[in-house]
Amino acid sequence: MQPTKTSQNVLILGARGKFGSHAQAAFEAAGWRTHCFQRGQDDLMQAAQGMDVIVMGWNPVDYSRWKAELLPMHEAVIAAASAAGATVILPGNVYVFGPASPPVWSLQTPHRATNPLGQLRIKVEQMYRTAPCRVILLRCGDFIDTRPSGNWFDQIITRPLARGRITYPGPADRPHAWAYLPDAARAAVALAKIREDLAGFEDVPFPGYTLTGGELAAALASALGRPVRVARFHWLIVTLLRPVMAGASGLIEMRYLWEKPQRLDSARLAQLLPDWQPTPLPEALEAVTDSLPGRARRRPSDRGAKHHPTSRGKRKLHLDHRGG
């Protein structure tokens, strides 16, 4: 399908991924013409021509490939967007903030991460800040997806939910930043609509939901109609698997994000989108729980039926603290 200027055109990079799939749905719902890049078939420079917006939903498969792949991947997107005159929408993350950062992350919070993955993300954002194309960085916390997509929420935390517990990677009393993906995608579309009024680089923290582990368990219990307790995730398992599991070292490196209190400031989003309304947490969790592993939610048709939790086969962990 050839781009047309009779409507707004958006190129989705990573349309099968976490952010990309929701971005595609949100842009289509808003009447945009979506074009999904096909790796191995399409040429990025050519695919970008005629696009008004490019959603950068690509990410290396796991942390072990960040050093080799992350910067070249973003350099290619910047080059394509600049040549096409397109705006890049980049789902950012919180890696740029180090362990000593304050508990509330805003536009003024310094980027002082000293660990390798955090340093790479700082370099990526510096590239976009000085890019000749317009960039909207939507900074998100950990993702809450409406389908199992290999994130902390569905692959680790809620995996034992059918048995009445969550497995939490940090202290249960520490506030943690979460981004409900349908909401983050809606915000991306809303920001794309006003892109001509924005600065060349916009850093927009996405507040999402701020929840402690205990509050998350209570919210899930309310959605399910039964108690949910918090169990501690055993990090020793990841340490032991480090020699044989790709990305394990990165998971351990970013563990501090589960240890420190955190909240993404809402001021900039409220300033740019004063009519923004997030999905209420109970409604979001209602949409999520039916899709979780082990059929965490009991449907009316299941009442009286014997429940068999799904088997726990071996999985590769491809987890990150969202964005980008």
Protein backbone atom coordinates (compact mmCIF):
# COMPACT_ATOMS: atom_id res chain seq x y z
CA MET A 1 0.00 0.00 0.00
CA GLN A 2 1.49 3.32 -1.09
CA PRO A 3 1.45 6.23 1.37
CA THR A 4 -1.02 9.00 0.69
CA LYS A 5 -1.10 12.54 1.99
CA THR A 6 -4.89 12.57 2.15
CA SER A 7 -4.51 11.05 5.62
CA GLN A 8 -1.82 10.77 8.25
CA ASN A 9 0.70 7.95 7.71
CA VAL A 10 2.58 6.14 10.44
CA LEU A 11 5.29 3.51 10.06
CA ILE A 12 5.34 0.97 12.87
CA LEU A 13 8.70 -0.64 13.60
CA GLY A 14 8.11 -3.77 15.68
CA ALA A 15 4.37 -4.12 15.01
CA ARG A 16 4.37 -7.60 16.54
CA GLY A 17 6.07 -6.44 19.71
CA LYS A 18 4.84 -5.06 22.99
CA PHE A 19 4.56 -1.33 22.30
CA GLY A 20 4.36 -1.63 18.52
CA SER A 21 1.29 -3.85 18.43
CA HIS A 22 -0.67 -1.51 20.68
CA ALA A 23 0.57 1.53 18.76
CA GLN A 24 -0.70 0.02 15.53
CA ALA A 25 -4.13 -0.58 17.05
CA ALA A 26 -4.30 2.91 18.58
CA PHE A 27 -3.26 4.73 15.41
CA GLU A 28 -5.72 2.71 13.32
CA ALA A 29 -8.51 3.48 15.80
CA ALA A 30 -7.67 7.18 15.42
CA GLY A 31 -7.99 6.99 11.63
CA TRP A 32 -4.32 6.91 10.66
CA ARG A 33 -2.97 4.82 7.81
CA THR A 34 -0.58 2.34 9.42
CA HIS A 35 2.33 0.73 7.62
CA CYS A 36 4.09 -2.16 9.35
CA PHE A 37 7.76 -2.60 8.53
CA GLN A 38 8.68 -6.14 7.49
CA ARG A 39 12.18 -7.07 8.55
CA GLY A 40 14.10 -8.98 5.92
CA GLN A 41 11.85 -7.60 3.19
CA ASP A 42 11.58 -3.82 3.49
CA ASP A 43 14.23 -1.14 3.20
CA LEU A 44 13.98 1.30 6.08
CA MET A 45 14.97 4.41 4.13
CA GLN A 46 12.39 3.64 1.45
CA ALA A 47 9.68 2.61 3.93
CA ALA A 48 10.05 5.90 5.79
CA GLN A 49 9.33 8.02 2.73
CA GLY A 50 5.89 9.62 2.88
CA MET A 51 5.51 8.87 6.59
CA ASP A 52 4.42 11.54 9.03
CA VAL A 53 5.36 9.52 12.10
CA ILE A 54 7.65 6.56 12.79
CA VAL A 55 6.99 4.50 15.92
CA MET A 56 10.29 3.03 17.09
CA GLY A 57 9.18 -0.26 18.65
CA TRP A 58 12.36 -2.23 17.95
CA ASN A 59 14.55 -3.58 20.71
CA PRO A 60 17.33 -6.19 20.73
CA VAL A 61 16.06 -9.65 21.66
CA ASP A 62 17.79 -9.64 25.05
CA TYR A 63 20.29 -7.67 27.09
CA SER A 64 23.27 -9.68 25.83
CA ARG A 65 22.84 -8.05 22.40
CA TRP A 66 22.40 -4.45 23.52
CA LYS A 67 26.07 -3.46 23.23
CA ALA A 68 26.32 -4.61 19.62
CA GLU A 69 22.85 -3.72 18.33
CA LEU A 70 21.26 -0.87 20.27
CA LEU A 71 23.09 2.20 18.96
CA PRO A 72 23.21 1.13 15.27
CA MET A 73 19.50 0.31 15.41
CA HIS A 74 18.59 3.82 16.60
CA GLU A 75 21.08 5.49 14.27
CA ALA A 76 19.30 3.87 11.32
CA VAL A 77 15.91 5.11 12.53
CA ILE A 78 17.19 8.65 12.99
CA ALA A 79 18.66 8.65 9.50
CA ALA A 80 15.44 7.36 7.94
CA ALA A 81 13.20 9.79 9.85
CA SER A 82 15.44 12.74 9.07
CA ALA A 83 15.49 11.96 5.35
CA ALA A 84 11.70 11.59 5.31
CA GLY A 85 10.92 14.59 7.53
CA ALA A 86 9.06 12.28 9.91
CA THR A 87 8.56 12.52 13.65
CA VAL A 88 9.91 9.62 15.72
CA ILE A 89 7.87 8.36 18.65
CA LEU A 90 10.21 6.55 20.99
CA PRO A 91 8.93 4.51 23.95
CA GLY A 92 11.56 5.41 26.52
CA ASN A 93 12.37 3.69 29.78
CA VAL A 94 13.77 4.54 33.18
CA TYR A 95 17.26 3.03 32.80
CA VAL A 96 18.82 6.49 32.56
CA PHE A 97 18.09 7.11 36.24
CA GLY A 98 20.66 5.55 38.54
CA PRO A 99 20.26 3.98 41.97
CA ALA A 100 20.92 7.32 43.70
CA SER A 101 18.19 9.16 41.81
CA PRO A 102 15.24 10.72 43.68
CA PRO A 103 11.98 8.76 43.98
CA VAL A 104 10.08 11.04 41.57
CA TRP A 105 11.40 11.15 38.00
CA SER A 106 10.62 14.30 36.03
CA LEU A 107 12.08 16.30 33.15
CA GLN A 108 14.57 17.81 35.58
CA THR A 109 15.87 14.51 36.98
CA PRO A 110 19.53 14.08 35.92
CA HIS A 111 20.45 11.03 33.85
CA ARG A 112 23.23 9.60 36.00
CA ALA A 113 23.05 5.85 35.54
CA THR A 114 26.56 4.38 35.70
CA ASN A 115 25.79 0.74 34.83
CA PRO A 116 26.42 -0.45 31.23
CA LEU A 117 22.77 -0.78 30.18
CA GLY A 118 21.88 2.58 31.68
CA GLN A 119 24.85 4.20 29.94
CA LEU A 120 23.70 2.77 26.60
CA ARG A 121 20.22 4.22 27.07
CA ILE A 122 21.74 7.60 27.95
CA LYS A 123 23.70 7.50 24.69
CA VAL A 124 20.55 6.58 22.74
CA GLU A 125 18.64 9.52 24.17
CA GLN A 126 21.54 11.89 23.52
CA MET A 127 21.45 10.81 19.87
CA TYR A 128 17.76 11.68 19.63
CA ARG A 129 18.18 14.99 21.47
CA THR A 130 20.58 16.18 18.79
CA ALA A 131 18.85 14.50 15.83
CA PRO A 132 17.67 16.66 12.90
CA CYS A 133 14.21 15.06 13.07
CA ARG A 134 11.46 15.75 15.60
CA VAL A 135 11.39 13.20 18.46
CA ILE A 136 8.74 12.47 21.09
CA LEU A 137 10.12 10.27 23.86
CA LEU A 138 7.31 8.77 25.92
CA ARG A 139 9.04 7.54 29.06
CA CYS A 140 7.32 4.49 30.52
CA GLY A 141 7.66 2.28 33.55
CA ASP A 142 7.28 -1.49 33.38
CA PHE A 143 4.68 -2.67 30.90
CA ILE A 144 1.30 -4.16 31.73
CA ASP A 145 0.14 -5.86 28.54
CA THR A 146 -3.28 -7.24 27.60
CA ARG A 147 -1.65 -10.45 26.40
CA PRO A 148 1.34 -12.49 27.57
CA SER A 149 4.30 -10.84 25.88
CA GLY A 150 7.30 -11.85 27.94
CA ASN A 151 7.48 -8.95 30.39
CA TRP A 152 7.96 -8.91 34.15
CA PHE A 153 4.25 -8.58 34.79
CA ASP A 154 3.06 -11.67 32.94
CA GLN A 155 6.15 -13.89 32.87
CA ILE A 156 7.26 -13.58 36.47
CA ILE A 157 5.00 -11.55 38.75
CA THR A 158 1.58 -12.95 37.84
CA ARG A 159 2.67 -16.39 36.67
CA PRO A 160 1.50 -18.07 39.90
CA LEU A 161 -1.65 -15.93 40.13
CA ALA A 162 -3.93 -18.92 39.56
CA ARG A 163 -2.55 -20.29 42.83
CA GLY A 164 -3.40 -17.15 44.75
CA ARG A 165 -0.08 -15.31 44.78
CA ILE A 166 2.24 -13.06 42.84
CA THR A 167 6.02 -13.38 42.76
CA TYR A 168 7.44 -9.92 43.32
CA PRO A 169 11.05 -8.99 42.41
CA GLY A 170 11.51 -6.37 45.13
CA PRO A 171 10.29 -5.31 48.58
CA ALA A 172 6.49 -5.29 48.57
CA ASP A 173 6.31 -1.81 50.10
CA ARG A 174 8.28 0.08 47.42
CA PRO A 175 6.29 2.16 44.89
CA HIS A 176 6.96 1.07 41.31
CA ALA A 177 6.08 2.71 37.98
CA TRP A 178 3.83 0.80 35.56
CA ALA A 179 2.56 1.61 32.06
CA TYR A 180 -0.66 0.01 30.77
CA LEU A 181 0.20 -0.47 27.11
CA PRO A 182 -3.17 0.49 25.57
CA ASP A 183 -2.96 3.77 27.50
CA ALA A 184 0.65 4.43 26.51
CA ALA A 185 -0.27 3.83 22.86
CA ARG A 186 -3.26 6.21 23.12
CA ALA A 187 -0.96 8.84 24.60
CA ALA A 188 1.46 8.34 21.72
CA VAL A 189 -1.32 8.99 19.20
CA ALA A 190 -2.50 12.08 21.08
CA LEU A 191 1.05 13.47 21.14
CA ALA A 192 1.48 12.68 17.44
CA LYS A 193 -1.58 14.78 16.67
CA ILE A 194 -0.01 17.87 18.26
CA ARG A 195 3.56 17.17 17.11
CA GLU A 196 3.82 20.39 15.07
CA ASP A 197 3.36 22.38 18.28
CA LEU A 198 6.07 20.52 20.18
CA ALA A 199 9.76 21.13 20.59
CA GLY A 200 12.26 19.30 18.40
CA PHE A 201 12.81 16.86 21.27
CA GLU A 202 10.06 16.22 23.81
CA ASP A 203 10.72 14.11 26.89
CA VAL A 204 7.28 13.15 28.22
CA PRO A 205 7.15 11.02 31.38
CA PHE A 206 4.12 8.73 31.25
CA PRO A 207 2.78 8.45 34.83
CA GLY A 208 0.73 5.29 34.32
CA TYR A 209 0.12 3.58 37.65
CA THR A 210 2.37 3.82 40.71
CA LEU A 211 1.88 0.76 42.91
CA THR A 212 3.70 -1.07 45.64
CA GLY A 213 3.82 -4.85 45.41
CA GLY A 214 1.20 -5.01 48.11
CA GLU A 215 -1.09 -2.58 46.27
CA LEU A 216 -0.70 -4.56 43.06
CA ALA A 217 -1.66 -7.76 44.87
CA ALA A 218 -4.70 -6.07 46.41
CA ALA A 219 -5.80 -4.68 43.03
CA LEU A 220 -5.46 -8.11 41.43
CA ALA A 221 -7.40 -9.66 44.31
CA SER A 222 -10.20 -7.18 43.71
CA ALA A 223 -10.24 -7.95 39.98
CA LEU A 224 -10.30 -11.69 40.62
CA GLY A 225 -12.64 -11.70 43.58
CA ARG A 226 -10.31 -13.77 45.74
CA PRO A 227 -7.22 -13.22 47.93
CA VAL A 228 -3.79 -12.73 46.41
CA ARG A 229 -0.65 -12.78 48.54
CA VAL A 230 2.86 -11.54 47.75
CA ALA A 231 5.78 -13.97 47.54
CA ARG A 232 9.37 -12.85 47.03
CA PHE A 233 11.10 -13.61 43.75
CA HIS A 234 14.27 -15.67 44.22
CA TRP A 235 17.04 -13.75 42.49
CA LEU A 236 19.49 -16.53 43.32
CA ILE A 237 17.93 -18.54 40.48
CA VAL A 238 18.87 -15.86 37.97
CA THR A 239 22.39 -15.69 39.41
CA LEU A 240 22.85 -19.44 39.05
CA LEU A 241 21.53 -19.33 35.49
CA ARG A 242 23.83 -16.50 34.44
CA PRO A 243 26.36 -18.79 32.69
CA VAL A 244 23.71 -20.40 30.49
CA MET A 245 20.87 -17.86 30.15
CA ALA A 246 21.23 -15.05 27.65
CA GLY A 247 20.40 -11.73 29.29
CA ALA A 248 20.66 -12.95 32.88
CA SER A 249 23.50 -10.56 33.66
CA GLY A 250 21.36 -7.67 32.46
CA LEU A 251 18.47 -8.70 34.69
CA ILE A 252 20.78 -8.68 37.69
CA GLU A 253 22.29 -5.36 36.62
CA MET A 254 18.84 -3.72 36.56
CA ARG A 255 17.65 -5.29 39.82
CA TYR A 256 18.04 -1.95 41.61
CA LEU A 257 14.92 -0.68 39.83
CA TRP A 258 12.88 -3.09 41.95
CA GLU A 259 14.63 -2.02 45.14
CA LYS A 260 14.19 1.75 44.92
CA PRO A 261 10.93 3.74 45.25
CA GLN A 262 9.93 5.36 41.97
CA ARG A 263 7.22 7.41 40.32
CA LEU A 264 7.08 9.12 36.94
CA ASP A 265 5.96 12.72 37.23
CA SER A 266 2.67 13.57 35.47
CA ALA A 267 3.19 17.31 35.00
CA ARG A 268 4.43 17.37 31.40
CA LEU A 269 1.80 14.96 30.09
CA ALA A 270 -0.93 16.96 31.83
CA GLN A 271 0.43 20.16 30.30
CA LEU A 272 0.49 18.75 26.78
CA LEU A 273 -2.68 16.67 27.03
CA PRO A 274 -4.93 18.42 29.58
CA ASP A 275 -7.91 16.20 28.68
CA TRP A 276 -5.97 12.96 29.07
CA GLN A 277 -7.85 10.27 30.99
CA PRO A 278 -6.07 7.02 31.91
CA THR A 279 -7.90 3.72 32.08
CA PRO A 280 -8.93 3.11 35.70
CA LEU A 281 -6.72 0.44 37.25
CA PRO A 282 -9.58 -1.99 38.01
CA GLU A 283 -10.72 -1.78 34.38
CA ALA A 284 -7.18 -2.39 33.11
CA LEU A 285 -6.64 -5.40 35.34
CA GLU A 286 -10.06 -6.75 34.36
CA ALA A 287 -8.87 -6.71 30.74
CA VAL A 288 -5.54 -8.29 31.63
CA THR A 289 -6.36 -11.15 33.96
CA ASP A 290 -8.18 -13.39 31.48
CA SER A 291 -5.10 -13.58 29.28
CA LEU A 292 -2.59 -14.40 32.00
CA PRO A 293 -0.80 -17.76 32.16
CA GLY A 294 -2.62 -20.39 34.18
CA ARG A 295 -6.00 -18.80 33.44
CA ALA A 296 -5.81 -16.60 36.51
CA ARG A 297 -9.42 -15.52 36.07
CA ARG A 298 -12.22 -18.01 36.55
CA ARG A 299 -14.88 -17.37 33.92
CA PRO A 300 -18.54 -18.01 34.74
CA SER A 301 -18.48 -21.08 32.49
CA ASP A 302 -15.64 -22.48 34.59
CA ARG A 303 -17.61 -22.53 37.83
CA GLY A 304 -17.94 -26.01 39.12
CA ALA A 305 -15.35 -27.30 36.69
CA LYS A 306 -12.14 -28.81 37.89
CA HIS A 307 -9.30 -26.37 37.39
CA HIS A 308 -6.00 -27.62 35.99
CA PRO A 309 -3.21 -25.04 36.02
CA THR A 310 -1.22 -25.00 32.83
CA SER A 311 2.06 -26.84 32.88
CA ARG A 312 5.16 -24.80 33.43
CA GLY A 313 7.45 -25.49 30.52
CA LYS A 314 10.89 -23.99 30.19
CA ARG A 315 10.98 -20.44 28.89
CA LYS A 316 13.63 -18.06 27.82
CA LEU A 317 13.52 -14.87 29.83
CA HIS A 318 13.33 -11.77 27.65
CA LEU A 319 12.51 -9.23 30.30
CA ASP A 320 13.21 -5.55 30.52
CA HIS A 321 12.07 -2.49 32.41
CA ARG A 322 10.16 -1.17 29.62
CA GLY A 323 10.51 1.14 26.86
CA GLY A 324 12.57 1.46 23.83
